[in-house]
Amino acid sequence: MDTLSYKTVSANKATVTKEWLVVDADGHTLGRLASEVAKLLRGKHKPSFTPHVDCGDNVIIINASNVQLTGNKWRDKSYIRHTGYPGGQRSLTATELMDKNPARVVEKAVKGMLPKNKLGSAIFRNLKVYADANHGQEAQKPRVITINTATK
């Protein structure tokens, strides 16, 4: 038979190539930034993407304190948590959470766009978020990525 035979390549932990990427969040809209970072973390931009394997890159987000929200979301958006005790529901607005910990706002947005299972938890560990431009991953020689430069 003279036909071509194609095999589907399925990545595994040994064959995955991970690299370190730096994303500058300065001036970007929170949700648009988070969706692009989630794609990078998941590995959907790679031709060897495999849904059940952590084949994404390690992502460092800097300048998380300069991220933007549109409309009245600074005032209206609420982050709800529960202490575990009766009547223990607590909530913070986006402004209060940004004042308390700017990196947490970006982390929560990205985490909400990842799978809700063990793989999603493992992928989330590949994300590092910093409120300013200083990060401790210079030894990994990260590559700078620009996201949504047209809509910035």
N, C-alpha and C. Protein backbone atom coordinates (compact mmCIF):
# COMPACT_ATOMS: atom_id res chain seq x y z
N MET A 1 0.84 -1.17 0.00
CA MET A 1 0.00 0.00 0.00
C MET A 1 0.89 1.23 0.00
N ASP A 2 0.59 2.20 -0.84
CA ASP A 2 1.41 3.41 -0.97
C ASP A 2 0.74 4.62 -0.35
N THR A 3 0.05 4.46 0.75
CA THR A 3 -0.61 5.60 1.38
C THR A 3 0.20 6.04 2.59
N LEU A 4 0.02 7.30 2.93
CA LEU A 4 0.69 7.84 4.11
C LEU A 4 -0.04 7.40 5.36
N SER A 5 0.71 7.14 6.39
CA SER A 5 0.13 6.73 7.65
C SER A 5 0.48 7.77 8.71
N TYR A 6 -0.54 8.37 9.30
CA TYR A 6 -0.33 9.38 10.34
C TYR A 6 -0.75 8.82 11.68
N LYS A 7 0.08 9.02 12.65
CA LYS A 7 -0.24 8.59 14.00
C LYS A 7 -0.47 9.83 14.86
N THR A 8 -1.45 9.79 15.70
CA THR A 8 -1.70 10.88 16.62
C THR A 8 -0.65 10.83 17.72
N VAL A 9 0.06 11.94 17.88
CA VAL A 9 1.11 12.00 18.90
C VAL A 9 0.48 12.44 20.20
N SER A 10 0.62 11.65 21.22
CA SER A 10 0.09 11.98 22.53
C SER A 10 1.26 12.28 23.46
N ALA A 11 1.29 13.49 23.97
CA ALA A 11 2.38 13.90 24.85
C ALA A 11 2.23 13.24 26.21
N ASN A 12 3.37 13.02 26.86
CA ASN A 12 3.36 12.57 28.25
C ASN A 12 4.37 13.40 29.03
N LYS A 13 4.51 13.11 30.30
CA LYS A 13 5.36 13.93 31.16
C LYS A 13 6.81 13.96 30.69
N ALA A 14 7.28 12.87 30.10
CA ALA A 14 8.67 12.78 29.66
C ALA A 14 8.92 13.53 28.35
N THR A 15 7.91 13.63 27.48
CA THR A 15 8.12 14.25 26.17
C THR A 15 7.72 15.72 26.11
N VAL A 16 7.15 16.24 27.17
CA VAL A 16 6.70 17.64 27.18
C VAL A 16 7.90 18.58 27.34
N THR A 17 7.92 19.65 26.55
CA THR A 17 8.95 20.68 26.71
C THR A 17 8.30 21.91 27.29
N LYS A 18 8.72 22.24 28.50
CA LYS A 18 8.17 23.42 29.18
C LYS A 18 9.19 24.54 29.15
N GLU A 19 8.71 25.77 28.99
CA GLU A 19 9.59 26.92 29.07
C GLU A 19 8.98 27.96 29.99
N TRP A 20 9.78 28.92 30.41
CA TRP A 20 9.34 29.98 31.30
C TRP A 20 9.00 31.21 30.48
N LEU A 21 7.82 31.79 30.74
CA LEU A 21 7.35 32.97 30.02
C LEU A 21 7.04 34.08 31.01
N VAL A 22 7.32 35.33 30.63
CA VAL A 22 6.98 36.49 31.44
C VAL A 22 5.91 37.29 30.71
N VAL A 23 4.82 37.62 31.42
CA VAL A 23 3.74 38.42 30.86
C VAL A 23 3.62 39.68 31.72
N ASP A 24 3.62 40.84 31.06
CA ASP A 24 3.46 42.11 31.76
C ASP A 24 1.98 42.48 31.75
N ALA A 25 1.37 42.57 32.93
CA ALA A 25 -0.06 42.84 33.05
C ALA A 25 -0.38 44.33 33.06
N ASP A 26 0.60 45.18 32.92
CA ASP A 26 0.42 46.62 33.01
C ASP A 26 -0.55 47.13 31.94
N GLY A 27 -1.71 47.64 32.37
CA GLY A 27 -2.69 48.23 31.48
C GLY A 27 -3.63 47.26 30.79
N HIS A 28 -3.49 45.96 31.02
CA HIS A 28 -4.36 44.98 30.37
C HIS A 28 -5.64 44.79 31.18
N THR A 29 -6.72 44.43 30.48
CA THR A 29 -7.98 44.11 31.13
C THR A 29 -7.86 42.74 31.78
N LEU A 30 -8.37 42.60 33.00
CA LEU A 30 -8.18 41.39 33.81
C LEU A 30 -8.62 40.11 33.11
N GLY A 31 -9.85 40.05 32.63
CA GLY A 31 -10.37 38.83 32.04
C GLY A 31 -9.68 38.44 30.75
N ARG A 32 -9.36 39.44 29.92
CA ARG A 32 -8.69 39.15 28.65
C ARG A 32 -7.28 38.63 28.89
N LEU A 33 -6.61 39.22 29.86
CA LEU A 33 -5.27 38.75 30.23
C LEU A 33 -5.33 37.34 30.79
N ALA A 34 -6.30 37.09 31.69
CA ALA A 34 -6.42 35.80 32.35
C ALA A 34 -6.71 34.67 31.36
N SER A 35 -7.53 34.93 30.35
CA SER A 35 -7.85 33.89 29.38
C SER A 35 -6.63 33.52 28.54
N GLU A 36 -5.82 34.50 28.17
CA GLU A 36 -4.61 34.22 27.39
C GLU A 36 -3.58 33.47 28.24
N VAL A 37 -3.45 33.87 29.51
CA VAL A 37 -2.51 33.19 30.41
C VAL A 37 -2.97 31.76 30.66
N ALA A 38 -4.28 31.54 30.79
CA ALA A 38 -4.80 30.19 30.99
C ALA A 38 -4.48 29.29 29.80
N LYS A 39 -4.53 29.84 28.59
CA LYS A 39 -4.17 29.06 27.40
C LYS A 39 -2.69 28.70 27.42
N LEU A 40 -1.85 29.64 27.83
CA LEU A 40 -0.42 29.37 27.92
C LEU A 40 -0.12 28.31 28.98
N LEU A 41 -0.79 28.41 30.13
CA LEU A 41 -0.59 27.44 31.21
C LEU A 41 -1.06 26.05 30.80
N ARG A 42 -2.15 26.00 30.09
CA ARG A 42 -2.74 24.72 29.68
C ARG A 42 -1.96 24.08 28.55
N GLY A 43 -1.31 24.89 27.69
CA GLY A 43 -0.53 24.37 26.58
C GLY A 43 -1.31 24.29 25.29
N LYS A 44 -2.44 24.99 25.21
CA LYS A 44 -3.28 24.91 24.02
C LYS A 44 -2.66 25.58 22.80
N HIS A 45 -1.61 26.36 23.00
CA HIS A 45 -0.93 27.02 21.88
C HIS A 45 0.10 26.11 21.22
N LYS A 46 0.32 24.94 21.77
CA LYS A 46 1.33 24.02 21.24
C LYS A 46 0.69 22.98 20.33
N PRO A 47 1.39 22.57 19.27
CA PRO A 47 0.84 21.53 18.41
C PRO A 47 0.74 20.17 19.09
N SER A 48 1.53 19.96 20.14
CA SER A 48 1.51 18.68 20.85
C SER A 48 0.57 18.69 22.05
N PHE A 49 -0.45 19.57 22.04
CA PHE A 49 -1.40 19.66 23.17
C PHE A 49 -2.10 18.33 23.38
N THR A 50 -2.11 17.90 24.62
CA THR A 50 -2.82 16.68 25.02
C THR A 50 -3.68 17.05 26.23
N PRO A 51 -5.00 16.83 26.15
CA PRO A 51 -5.90 17.34 27.19
C PRO A 51 -5.66 16.81 28.59
N HIS A 52 -5.15 15.58 28.72
CA HIS A 52 -5.02 14.97 30.05
C HIS A 52 -3.61 15.09 30.63
N VAL A 53 -2.74 15.90 30.00
CA VAL A 53 -1.35 16.03 30.44
C VAL A 53 -1.05 17.51 30.67
N ASP A 54 -0.24 17.79 31.69
CA ASP A 54 0.22 19.16 31.94
C ASP A 54 1.33 19.47 30.94
N CYS A 55 0.96 19.99 29.77
CA CYS A 55 1.94 20.26 28.73
C CYS A 55 2.12 21.75 28.49
N GLY A 56 1.62 22.58 29.39
CA GLY A 56 1.75 24.03 29.25
C GLY A 56 3.07 24.54 29.77
N ASP A 57 3.25 25.85 29.66
CA ASP A 57 4.48 26.50 30.10
C ASP A 57 4.33 27.05 31.51
N ASN A 58 5.45 27.42 32.11
CA ASN A 58 5.45 28.12 33.39
C ASN A 58 5.33 29.61 33.08
N VAL A 59 4.38 30.29 33.70
CA VAL A 59 4.10 31.68 33.38
C VAL A 59 4.34 32.55 34.61
N ILE A 60 5.04 33.66 34.40
CA ILE A 60 5.29 34.66 35.44
C ILE A 60 4.54 35.92 35.02
N ILE A 61 3.64 36.41 35.87
CA ILE A 61 2.92 37.66 35.58
C ILE A 61 3.51 38.74 36.48
N ILE A 62 3.95 39.83 35.86
CA ILE A 62 4.48 40.96 36.63
C ILE A 62 3.54 42.15 36.49
N ASN A 63 3.68 43.12 37.40
CA ASN A 63 2.85 44.34 37.43
C ASN A 63 1.36 44.03 37.57
N ALA A 64 1.02 43.08 38.42
CA ALA A 64 -0.39 42.71 38.62
C ALA A 64 -1.18 43.84 39.27
N SER A 65 -0.50 44.76 39.94
CA SER A 65 -1.21 45.87 40.58
C SER A 65 -1.70 46.89 39.58
N ASN A 66 -1.25 46.81 38.31
CA ASN A 66 -1.67 47.77 37.29
C ASN A 66 -2.69 47.21 36.32
N VAL A 67 -3.34 46.10 36.68
CA VAL A 67 -4.35 45.50 35.82
C VAL A 67 -5.61 46.35 35.86
N GLN A 68 -6.40 46.32 34.78
CA GLN A 68 -7.60 47.15 34.67
C GLN A 68 -8.87 46.31 34.77
N LEU A 69 -9.93 46.93 35.25
CA LEU A 69 -11.28 46.36 35.21
C LEU A 69 -12.17 47.38 34.53
N THR A 70 -13.12 46.92 33.72
CA THR A 70 -13.99 47.83 32.99
C THR A 70 -15.28 48.09 33.76
N GLY A 71 -15.94 49.17 33.40
CA GLY A 71 -17.23 49.50 34.01
C GLY A 71 -17.11 49.78 35.49
N ASN A 72 -18.11 49.32 36.24
CA ASN A 72 -18.15 49.53 37.69
C ASN A 72 -17.67 48.31 38.46
N LYS A 73 -16.85 47.47 37.82
CA LYS A 73 -16.45 46.22 38.47
C LYS A 73 -15.57 46.45 39.69
N TRP A 74 -14.83 47.54 39.75
CA TRP A 74 -14.03 47.81 40.94
C TRP A 74 -14.92 47.89 42.18
N ARG A 75 -16.12 48.39 42.00
CA ARG A 75 -17.06 48.55 43.11
C ARG A 75 -18.02 47.37 43.24
N ASP A 76 -18.47 46.82 42.11
CA ASP A 76 -19.55 45.83 42.11
C ASP A 76 -19.08 44.38 42.21
N LYS A 77 -17.92 44.07 41.68
CA LYS A 77 -17.43 42.69 41.68
C LYS A 77 -17.07 42.28 43.10
N SER A 78 -17.57 41.13 43.53
CA SER A 78 -17.28 40.67 44.89
C SER A 78 -16.65 39.29 44.86
N TYR A 79 -15.71 39.09 45.75
CA TYR A 79 -15.03 37.80 45.92
C TYR A 79 -15.54 37.21 47.23
N ILE A 80 -16.25 36.07 47.12
CA ILE A 80 -16.91 35.47 48.27
C ILE A 80 -16.12 34.24 48.73
N ARG A 81 -15.97 34.10 50.04
CA ARG A 81 -15.33 32.92 50.62
C ARG A 81 -16.14 32.54 51.86
N HIS A 82 -15.84 31.39 52.42
CA HIS A 82 -16.53 30.93 53.62
C HIS A 82 -15.51 30.41 54.61
N THR A 83 -15.69 30.79 55.88
CA THR A 83 -14.73 30.41 56.92
C THR A 83 -14.89 28.95 57.33
N GLY A 84 -16.05 28.37 57.07
CA GLY A 84 -16.31 27.00 57.50
C GLY A 84 -17.20 26.94 58.72
N TYR A 85 -17.45 28.06 59.35
CA TYR A 85 -18.34 28.14 60.51
C TYR A 85 -19.71 28.63 60.08
N PRO A 86 -20.76 28.32 60.87
CA PRO A 86 -22.10 28.81 60.54
C PRO A 86 -22.12 30.33 60.47
N GLY A 87 -22.69 30.84 59.42
CA GLY A 87 -22.75 32.29 59.23
C GLY A 87 -21.40 32.89 58.89
N GLY A 88 -20.51 32.10 58.37
CA GLY A 88 -19.14 32.56 58.14
C GLY A 88 -18.85 33.00 56.72
N GLN A 89 -19.88 33.43 55.97
CA GLN A 89 -19.63 33.89 54.61
C GLN A 89 -19.05 35.30 54.64
N ARG A 90 -17.91 35.46 53.99
CA ARG A 90 -17.23 36.76 53.94
C ARG A 90 -17.08 37.17 52.48
N SER A 91 -17.08 38.46 52.23
CA SER A 91 -16.91 38.92 50.86
C SER A 91 -16.05 40.18 50.85
N LEU A 92 -15.34 40.35 49.76
CA LEU A 92 -14.51 41.53 49.51
C LEU A 92 -14.84 42.06 48.13
N THR A 93 -14.83 43.36 47.95
CA THR A 93 -14.98 43.92 46.61
C THR A 93 -13.62 43.85 45.91
N ALA A 94 -13.63 44.10 44.61
CA ALA A 94 -12.38 44.05 43.85
C ALA A 94 -11.39 45.10 44.36
N THR A 95 -11.88 46.26 44.75
CA THR A 95 -11.00 47.31 45.27
C THR A 95 -10.34 46.88 46.58
N GLU A 96 -11.14 46.28 47.47
CA GLU A 96 -10.59 45.84 48.77
C GLU A 96 -9.55 44.73 48.58
N LEU A 97 -9.83 43.79 47.68
CA LEU A 97 -8.87 42.71 47.44
C LEU A 97 -7.61 43.24 46.77
N MET A 98 -7.75 44.22 45.89
CA MET A 98 -6.59 44.81 45.22
C MET A 98 -5.71 45.55 46.23
N ASP A 99 -6.34 46.24 47.18
CA ASP A 99 -5.57 46.94 48.22
C ASP A 99 -4.86 45.94 49.14
N LYS A 100 -5.53 44.82 49.41
CA LYS A 100 -4.98 43.82 50.32
C LYS A 100 -3.86 43.01 49.66
N ASN A 101 -4.12 42.49 48.44
CA ASN A 101 -3.13 41.66 47.74
C ASN A 101 -3.43 41.71 46.23
N PRO A 102 -2.72 42.55 45.48
CA PRO A 102 -3.01 42.70 44.05
C PRO A 102 -2.79 41.41 43.25
N ALA A 103 -1.86 40.59 43.67
CA ALA A 103 -1.59 39.35 42.94
C ALA A 103 -2.77 38.38 43.04
N ARG A 104 -3.50 38.42 44.14
CA ARG A 104 -4.61 37.49 44.36
C ARG A 104 -5.74 37.71 43.35
N VAL A 105 -5.95 38.96 42.91
CA VAL A 105 -7.00 39.25 41.93
C VAL A 105 -6.71 38.52 40.62
N VAL A 106 -5.47 38.59 40.17
CA VAL A 106 -5.09 37.93 38.92
C VAL A 106 -5.10 36.42 39.09
N GLU A 107 -4.62 35.93 40.23
CA GLU A 107 -4.61 34.48 40.48
C GLU A 107 -6.02 33.91 40.44
N LYS A 108 -6.98 34.59 41.07
CA LYS A 108 -8.36 34.11 41.09
C LYS A 108 -8.97 34.10 39.69
N ALA A 109 -8.65 35.11 38.89
CA ALA A 109 -9.19 35.17 37.52
C ALA A 109 -8.65 34.03 36.67
N VAL A 110 -7.35 33.75 36.79
CA VAL A 110 -6.75 32.68 35.99
C VAL A 110 -7.22 31.32 36.48
N LYS A 111 -7.30 31.13 37.79
CA LYS A 111 -7.71 29.84 38.35
C LYS A 111 -9.13 29.48 37.93
N GLY A 112 -9.99 30.49 37.80
CA GLY A 112 -11.36 30.24 37.37
C GLY A 112 -11.47 29.77 35.93
N MET A 113 -10.40 29.96 35.15
CA MET A 113 -10.41 29.56 33.74
C MET A 113 -9.65 28.26 33.49
N LEU A 114 -9.24 27.59 34.54
CA LEU A 114 -8.55 26.30 34.42
C LEU A 114 -9.51 25.17 34.79
N PRO A 115 -9.19 23.93 34.41
CA PRO A 115 -10.06 22.80 34.76
C PRO A 115 -10.21 22.65 36.27
N LYS A 116 -11.40 22.22 36.69
CA LYS A 116 -11.68 22.06 38.12
C LYS A 116 -11.43 20.62 38.54
N ASN A 117 -10.16 20.18 38.47
CA ASN A 117 -9.79 18.83 38.87
C ASN A 117 -8.33 18.82 39.28
N LYS A 118 -7.75 17.63 39.47
CA LYS A 118 -6.36 17.52 39.91
C LYS A 118 -5.40 18.12 38.89
N LEU A 119 -5.71 17.95 37.61
CA LEU A 119 -4.86 18.51 36.57
C LEU A 119 -4.88 20.04 36.62
N GLY A 120 -6.05 20.62 36.87
CA GLY A 120 -6.15 22.07 37.00
C GLY A 120 -5.33 22.59 38.17
N SER A 121 -5.33 21.85 39.27
CA SER A 121 -4.52 22.25 40.43
C SER A 121 -3.03 22.18 40.11
N ALA A 122 -2.63 21.15 39.38
CA ALA A 122 -1.22 21.01 39.00
C ALA A 122 -0.80 22.10 38.03
N ILE A 123 -1.68 22.45 37.11
CA ILE A 123 -1.38 23.51 36.14
C ILE A 123 -1.29 24.86 36.84
N PHE A 124 -2.15 25.09 37.83
CA PHE A 124 -2.14 26.37 38.55
C PHE A 124 -0.82 26.60 39.29
N ARG A 125 -0.17 25.51 39.69
CA ARG A 125 1.12 25.65 40.38
C ARG A 125 2.22 26.15 39.47
N ASN A 126 1.99 26.17 38.15
CA ASN A 126 2.97 26.68 37.20
C ASN A 126 2.84 28.20 37.00
N LEU A 127 1.97 28.84 37.77
CA LEU A 127 1.75 30.28 37.65
C LEU A 127 2.37 31.01 38.82
N LYS A 128 3.12 32.07 38.54
CA LYS A 128 3.69 32.95 39.56
C LYS A 128 3.22 34.36 39.24
N VAL A 129 2.63 35.04 40.24
CA VAL A 129 2.11 36.39 40.03
C VAL A 129 2.79 37.33 41.01
N TYR A 130 3.25 38.47 40.50
CA TYR A 130 3.92 39.48 41.31
C TYR A 130 3.26 40.83 41.09
N ALA A 131 3.10 41.61 42.17
CA ALA A 131 2.44 42.89 42.10
C ALA A 131 3.28 43.94 41.38
N ASP A 132 4.61 43.80 41.43
CA ASP A 132 5.48 44.78 40.78
C ASP A 132 6.32 44.09 39.72
N ALA A 133 7.33 44.79 39.20
CA ALA A 133 8.13 44.26 38.10
C ALA A 133 9.23 43.31 38.55
N ASN A 134 9.46 43.19 39.86
CA ASN A 134 10.52 42.31 40.36
C ASN A 134 9.98 40.89 40.56
N HIS A 135 10.71 39.92 40.01
CA HIS A 135 10.35 38.52 40.23
C HIS A 135 11.63 37.74 40.49
N GLY A 136 11.48 36.61 41.15
CA GLY A 136 12.65 35.84 41.57
C GLY A 136 13.03 34.72 40.63
N GLN A 137 12.56 34.74 39.38
CA GLN A 137 12.83 33.66 38.45
C GLN A 137 13.81 34.04 37.34
N GLU A 138 14.78 34.90 37.63
CA GLU A 138 15.75 35.27 36.61
C GLU A 138 16.63 34.09 36.22
N ALA A 139 16.85 33.15 37.14
CA ALA A 139 17.70 31.99 36.88
C ALA A 139 17.10 31.07 35.82
N GLN A 140 15.78 31.10 35.63
CA GLN A 140 15.14 30.26 34.63
C GLN A 140 15.23 30.84 33.22
N LYS A 141 15.75 32.06 33.10
CA LYS A 141 15.87 32.76 31.81
C LYS A 141 14.53 32.81 31.07
N PRO A 142 13.52 33.47 31.66
CA PRO A 142 12.19 33.49 31.03
C PRO A 142 12.17 34.34 29.77
N ARG A 143 11.29 33.96 28.84
CA ARG A 143 11.10 34.68 27.59
C ARG A 143 9.91 35.62 27.77
N VAL A 144 10.03 36.87 27.30
CA VAL A 144 8.97 37.87 27.45
C VAL A 144 7.94 37.67 26.36
N ILE A 145 6.66 37.63 26.75
CA ILE A 145 5.55 37.47 25.82
C ILE A 145 4.69 38.72 25.88
N THR A 146 4.28 39.24 24.73
CA THR A 146 3.32 40.36 24.71
C THR A 146 1.94 39.80 24.36
N ILE A 147 0.95 40.24 25.11
CA ILE A 147 -0.41 39.75 24.93
C ILE A 147 -1.32 40.92 24.61
N ASN A 148 -2.14 40.76 23.58
CA ASN A 148 -3.16 41.76 23.21
C ASN A 148 -2.59 43.16 23.09
N THR A 149 -1.54 43.32 22.34
CA THR A 149 -0.96 44.67 22.19
C THR A 149 -1.90 45.59 21.43
N ALA A 150 -2.78 45.04 20.60
CA ALA A 150 -3.71 45.88 19.83
C ALA A 150 -4.79 46.47 20.74
N THR A 151 -5.17 45.76 21.82
CA THR A 151 -6.26 46.23 22.68
C THR A 151 -5.75 46.85 23.97
N LYS A 152 -4.45 47.08 24.06
CA LYS A 152 -3.90 47.61 25.30
C LYS A 152 -4.25 49.07 25.48
